[in-house]
């Protein structure tokens, strides 16, 4: 099988982890990188062995022999960056959140369909062995019907009023950066809720620094979700079923492990051998799809990403979260 040539747009912290994992994944390699600074792009390319470095995002689409692009720019640029890649007929793996709102995601999906080009949200948690195995156990009926989900994600960054996390013009705050993970888990396991309640603590810079979310479903099922950039939380998840519980340990959204707990039985731990940061799982899914000629992933279809952004929009409205220049 050929090695797929990857490009990366946006060379921040997560791009470094992704580049490291490309070297460990199957049938893929880093081919080109783009930054707003050519010096930064060249240093990144030299560090990870990419053959091409560009000093603007748009230039990357003209790179020869480029097979697919990973977009790791700030949230507010995801839609714009995705659209010009798709316009050039280049498959895209775009970081979460897919975009800032439903309208932007609709544009991205429409362009992918127009150009008959692959598109997927880079929600790495979906492809983690923990997630895959937990879904398998649920499908097998190990915990019975899922009744409730409880998940949190919190950390305390150094306060920087002009940094991405605290800047409403860059989509800052806890919800889109980390709150999206608990929302993702609830959507994956329980689907779209019948009722949404949400409250947020808006900090001095205008972003949500703490967000509490409650989903209610038919039959009384519920999801209790929390994100915060005010404190380090345990960042774990619980999936409660009629016959048992799956407890995904810290940090539940990343390479981790979980425990299956059933009444009258000894807890059973599920551990996994990780040899990377965990990003190669999503990259390998993209390659599998490209090899098969698919335009979206069966495991993370575009309809799921649309449902996810609709939930995030609804939470924003309920909690009074606003981003500068974004409806």
Foldseek 3Di string as FASTA:
>chain_A
DAAAEEEEEDDDDVNLQLQQVQVVFPRYHYAEYEDCQQVVQVVSCVVRVHPYYYNHLLVVLVDPRHAAYEYDHFQACLLVSLLSNLVSQHAYAYEPPNHQFLVSLVSNVVSLVVSVAAYFYQQLLLLAPQNVVVVVCVVVQVQHQFQEKEWEFEEADDDDCPDLQNALQRVHEWCRPPQLVLLLVCCVRPNAAPDKAKAFDQDPSQAGQKMWIKGAHPPGGIYTYIYHNHHGDFCWMWTHGNFWIKTWGPVNSWQGWIWIGGPPDDIDIDHDDDDGRSSSSSVVQVVVCVVVSHRYGPSGGSVSSSSSSNVSVVNCVNHVRHGPPDD
